[in-house]
Amino acid sequence: MAGDGVREQETAVLAGGPADGMRIKVTERPGVLQVTLPCVVEVPAGDARVGALYVYRRDLRVAEEPLRYGFDPASP
């Protein structure tokens, strides 16, 4: 954390899955990231929305930027 109370952000890259190659900024190196993609709803149900959920786990072997998050095909 920086001395002024602002949390430092680091660049991370997602590997595999639907977000392959996407670069993002993360704070405090989270162990897991969730990526959601909207699904098409054929019959509207009020304000309900449906999204597909994908999980990416941090590769602990990568200690410097860009951090690496790999797609977890077994999740959730």
N, C-alpha and C. Protein backbone atom coordinates (compact mmCIF):
# COMPACT_ATOMS: atom_id res chain seq x y z
N MET A 1 0.85 -1.18 0.00
CA MET A 1 0.00 0.00 0.00
C MET A 1 0.89 1.23 0.00
N ALA A 2 0.55 2.19 -0.77
CA ALA A 2 1.29 3.43 -0.82
C ALA A 2 1.09 4.22 0.46
N GLY A 3 2.03 5.09 0.77
CA GLY A 3 1.97 5.84 2.01
C GLY A 3 0.81 6.80 2.10
N ASP A 4 0.19 7.20 1.01
CA ASP A 4 -0.92 8.15 1.02
C ASP A 4 -2.27 7.48 1.17
N GLY A 5 -2.31 6.18 1.48
CA GLY A 5 -3.56 5.47 1.67
C GLY A 5 -4.16 4.91 0.40
N VAL A 6 -3.54 5.17 -0.75
CA VAL A 6 -4.02 4.64 -2.01
C VAL A 6 -3.40 3.27 -2.23
N ARG A 7 -4.22 2.29 -2.54
CA ARG A 7 -3.72 0.94 -2.77
C ARG A 7 -3.11 0.83 -4.16
N GLU A 8 -1.97 0.17 -4.22
CA GLU A 8 -1.27 0.00 -5.48
C GLU A 8 -1.97 -1.03 -6.35
N GLN A 9 -2.07 -0.74 -7.62
CA GLN A 9 -2.66 -1.67 -8.57
C GLN A 9 -1.56 -2.28 -9.41
N GLU A 10 -1.77 -3.55 -9.80
CA GLU A 10 -0.81 -4.25 -10.63
C GLU A 10 -1.53 -4.77 -11.88
N THR A 11 -0.79 -4.91 -12.95
CA THR A 11 -1.34 -5.47 -14.18
C THR A 11 -1.35 -6.98 -14.09
N ALA A 12 -2.43 -7.57 -14.56
CA ALA A 12 -2.56 -9.02 -14.61
C ALA A 12 -3.11 -9.40 -15.98
N VAL A 13 -2.77 -10.59 -16.42
CA VAL A 13 -3.28 -11.09 -17.70
C VAL A 13 -4.03 -12.39 -17.45
N LEU A 14 -5.17 -12.55 -18.11
CA LEU A 14 -5.97 -13.77 -17.99
C LEU A 14 -5.58 -14.73 -19.10
N ALA A 15 -5.40 -16.00 -18.74
CA ALA A 15 -4.96 -17.00 -19.70
C ALA A 15 -5.99 -18.11 -19.84
N GLY A 16 -6.39 -18.40 -21.07
CA GLY A 16 -7.36 -19.44 -21.34
C GLY A 16 -8.79 -18.94 -21.19
N GLY A 17 -9.72 -19.82 -21.49
CA GLY A 17 -11.14 -19.50 -21.33
C GLY A 17 -11.60 -18.36 -22.19
N PRO A 18 -12.79 -17.83 -21.90
CA PRO A 18 -13.39 -16.81 -22.74
C PRO A 18 -12.71 -15.45 -22.67
N ALA A 19 -11.92 -15.20 -21.64
CA ALA A 19 -11.25 -13.90 -21.49
C ALA A 19 -9.75 -14.00 -21.78
N ASP A 20 -9.35 -15.01 -22.54
CA ASP A 20 -7.93 -15.24 -22.83
C ASP A 20 -7.26 -13.99 -23.39
N GLY A 21 -6.16 -13.61 -22.76
CA GLY A 21 -5.39 -12.45 -23.22
C GLY A 21 -5.84 -11.12 -22.63
N MET A 22 -6.96 -11.09 -21.94
CA MET A 22 -7.45 -9.85 -21.36
C MET A 22 -6.47 -9.36 -20.29
N ARG A 23 -6.16 -8.08 -20.32
CA ARG A 23 -5.28 -7.47 -19.32
C ARG A 23 -6.14 -6.60 -18.41
N ILE A 24 -5.90 -6.72 -17.11
CA ILE A 24 -6.69 -5.99 -16.13
C ILE A 24 -5.77 -5.42 -15.05
N LYS A 25 -6.31 -4.58 -14.20
CA LYS A 25 -5.61 -4.08 -13.02
C LYS A 25 -6.23 -4.71 -11.80
N VAL A 26 -5.39 -5.22 -10.88
CA VAL A 26 -5.86 -5.81 -9.63
C VAL A 26 -5.20 -5.11 -8.45
N THR A 27 -5.86 -5.17 -7.32
CA THR A 27 -5.35 -4.62 -6.08
C THR A 27 -5.22 -5.75 -5.07
N GLU A 28 -4.10 -5.82 -4.40
CA GLU A 28 -3.84 -6.79 -3.34
C GLU A 28 -3.81 -8.24 -3.82
N ARG A 29 -3.52 -8.47 -5.08
CA ARG A 29 -3.32 -9.82 -5.64
C ARG A 29 -4.36 -10.85 -5.21
N PRO A 30 -5.61 -10.67 -5.59
CA PRO A 30 -6.64 -11.65 -5.21
C PRO A 30 -6.30 -13.03 -5.77
N GLY A 31 -6.66 -14.06 -5.04
CA GLY A 31 -6.38 -15.43 -5.45
C GLY A 31 -7.28 -15.92 -6.56
N VAL A 32 -8.49 -15.37 -6.63
CA VAL A 32 -9.48 -15.82 -7.61
C VAL A 32 -10.18 -14.60 -8.21
N LEU A 33 -10.42 -14.66 -9.52
CA LEU A 33 -11.20 -13.64 -10.21
C LEU A 33 -12.39 -14.31 -10.88
N GLN A 34 -13.49 -13.59 -10.94
CA GLN A 34 -14.68 -14.07 -11.64
C GLN A 34 -14.90 -13.19 -12.86
N VAL A 35 -15.16 -13.83 -13.97
CA VAL A 35 -15.51 -13.12 -15.21
C VAL A 35 -16.93 -13.55 -15.56
N THR A 36 -17.79 -12.60 -15.84
CA THR A 36 -19.15 -12.93 -16.24
C THR A 36 -19.41 -12.39 -17.64
N LEU A 37 -20.14 -13.17 -18.40
CA LEU A 37 -20.57 -12.76 -19.73
C LEU A 37 -22.08 -12.86 -19.78
N PRO A 38 -22.75 -11.85 -20.33
CA PRO A 38 -24.21 -11.91 -20.39
C PRO A 38 -24.70 -13.01 -21.32
N CYS A 39 -25.80 -13.61 -20.95
CA CYS A 39 -26.46 -14.61 -21.79
C CYS A 39 -27.71 -13.98 -22.39
N VAL A 40 -28.07 -14.42 -23.57
CA VAL A 40 -29.28 -13.93 -24.22
C VAL A 40 -30.48 -14.61 -23.58
N VAL A 41 -31.45 -13.80 -23.17
CA VAL A 41 -32.68 -14.32 -22.57
C VAL A 41 -33.77 -14.29 -23.63
N GLU A 42 -34.35 -15.45 -23.91
CA GLU A 42 -35.35 -15.54 -24.97
C GLU A 42 -36.72 -15.02 -24.53
N VAL A 43 -37.07 -15.26 -23.26
CA VAL A 43 -38.35 -14.79 -22.76
C VAL A 43 -38.06 -13.83 -21.59
N PRO A 44 -38.32 -12.55 -21.77
CA PRO A 44 -38.04 -11.59 -20.70
C PRO A 44 -38.77 -11.95 -19.41
N ALA A 45 -38.06 -11.81 -18.31
CA ALA A 45 -38.63 -12.10 -16.98
C ALA A 45 -38.42 -10.89 -16.09
N GLY A 46 -39.08 -9.81 -16.43
CA GLY A 46 -38.92 -8.59 -15.64
C GLY A 46 -37.52 -8.03 -15.80
N ASP A 47 -36.89 -7.75 -14.67
CA ASP A 47 -35.54 -7.19 -14.69
C ASP A 47 -34.47 -8.27 -14.53
N ALA A 48 -34.85 -9.54 -14.58
CA ALA A 48 -33.89 -10.62 -14.38
C ALA A 48 -32.89 -10.66 -15.54
N ARG A 49 -31.64 -10.94 -15.19
CA ARG A 49 -30.57 -11.09 -16.17
C ARG A 49 -29.87 -12.42 -15.89
N VAL A 50 -29.31 -12.99 -16.92
CA VAL A 50 -28.57 -14.25 -16.78
C VAL A 50 -27.16 -14.03 -17.28
N GLY A 51 -26.19 -14.52 -16.51
CA GLY A 51 -24.80 -14.38 -16.91
C GLY A 51 -24.05 -15.68 -16.70
N ALA A 52 -23.14 -15.98 -17.62
CA ALA A 52 -22.28 -17.16 -17.48
C ALA A 52 -21.09 -16.76 -16.61
N LEU A 53 -20.73 -17.59 -15.66
CA LEU A 53 -19.66 -17.30 -14.71
C LEU A 53 -18.43 -18.15 -15.04
N TYR A 54 -17.28 -17.50 -15.09
CA TYR A 54 -16.00 -18.17 -15.34
C TYR A 54 -15.03 -17.78 -14.24
N VAL A 55 -14.22 -18.74 -13.79
CA VAL A 55 -13.30 -18.51 -12.68
C VAL A 55 -11.86 -18.59 -13.18
N TYR A 56 -11.05 -17.65 -12.72
CA TYR A 56 -9.62 -17.61 -13.02
C TYR A 56 -8.86 -17.59 -11.70
N ARG A 57 -7.83 -18.43 -11.59
CA ARG A 57 -7.04 -18.53 -10.36
C ARG A 57 -5.63 -18.01 -10.61
N ARG A 58 -5.10 -17.30 -9.61
CA ARG A 58 -3.76 -16.71 -9.74
C ARG A 58 -2.69 -17.77 -9.76
N ASP A 59 -1.75 -17.63 -10.68
CA ASP A 59 -0.60 -18.52 -10.77
C ASP A 59 0.43 -18.00 -9.76
N LEU A 60 0.60 -18.72 -8.66
CA LEU A 60 1.47 -18.28 -7.57
C LEU A 60 2.95 -18.31 -7.95
N ARG A 61 3.29 -18.94 -9.06
CA ARG A 61 4.69 -18.98 -9.50
C ARG A 61 5.11 -17.65 -10.13
N VAL A 62 4.14 -16.82 -10.50
CA VAL A 62 4.44 -15.53 -11.13
C VAL A 62 4.41 -14.46 -10.05
N ALA A 63 5.59 -13.87 -9.78
CA ALA A 63 5.70 -12.90 -8.68
C ALA A 63 5.78 -11.46 -9.16
N GLU A 64 5.99 -11.24 -10.46
CA GLU A 64 6.13 -9.88 -10.97
C GLU A 64 5.09 -9.61 -12.05
N GLU A 65 4.88 -8.34 -12.32
CA GLU A 65 3.93 -7.95 -13.36
C GLU A 65 4.40 -8.39 -14.74
N PRO A 66 3.51 -8.78 -15.62
CA PRO A 66 2.09 -8.94 -15.32
C PRO A 66 1.85 -10.23 -14.56
N LEU A 67 0.99 -10.13 -13.54
CA LEU A 67 0.57 -11.32 -12.83
C LEU A 67 -0.22 -12.19 -13.80
N ARG A 68 -0.36 -13.46 -13.50
CA ARG A 68 -1.05 -14.36 -14.42
C ARG A 68 -2.18 -15.09 -13.69
N TYR A 69 -3.34 -15.09 -14.32
CA TYR A 69 -4.51 -15.82 -13.81
C TYR A 69 -4.92 -16.82 -14.87
N GLY A 70 -4.99 -18.09 -14.49
CA GLY A 70 -5.34 -19.14 -15.43
C GLY A 70 -6.80 -19.55 -15.28
N PHE A 71 -7.41 -19.84 -16.40
CA PHE A 71 -8.80 -20.29 -16.45
C PHE A 71 -8.95 -21.62 -15.72
N ASP A 72 -9.97 -21.74 -14.88
CA ASP A 72 -10.25 -22.98 -14.15
C ASP A 72 -11.49 -23.61 -14.77
N PRO A 73 -11.32 -24.59 -15.66
CA PRO A 73 -12.47 -25.18 -16.35
C PRO A 73 -13.37 -25.99 -15.44
N ALA A 74 -12.92 -26.33 -14.23
CA ALA A 74 -13.72 -27.14 -13.31
C ALA A 74 -14.61 -26.29 -12.42
N SER A 75 -14.50 -24.97 -12.51
CA SER A 75 -15.28 -24.11 -11.61
C SER A 75 -16.41 -23.46 -12.36
N PRO A 76 -17.42 -23.07 -11.71
CA PRO A 76 -17.73 -23.37 -10.31
C PRO A 76 -18.33 -24.75 -10.16
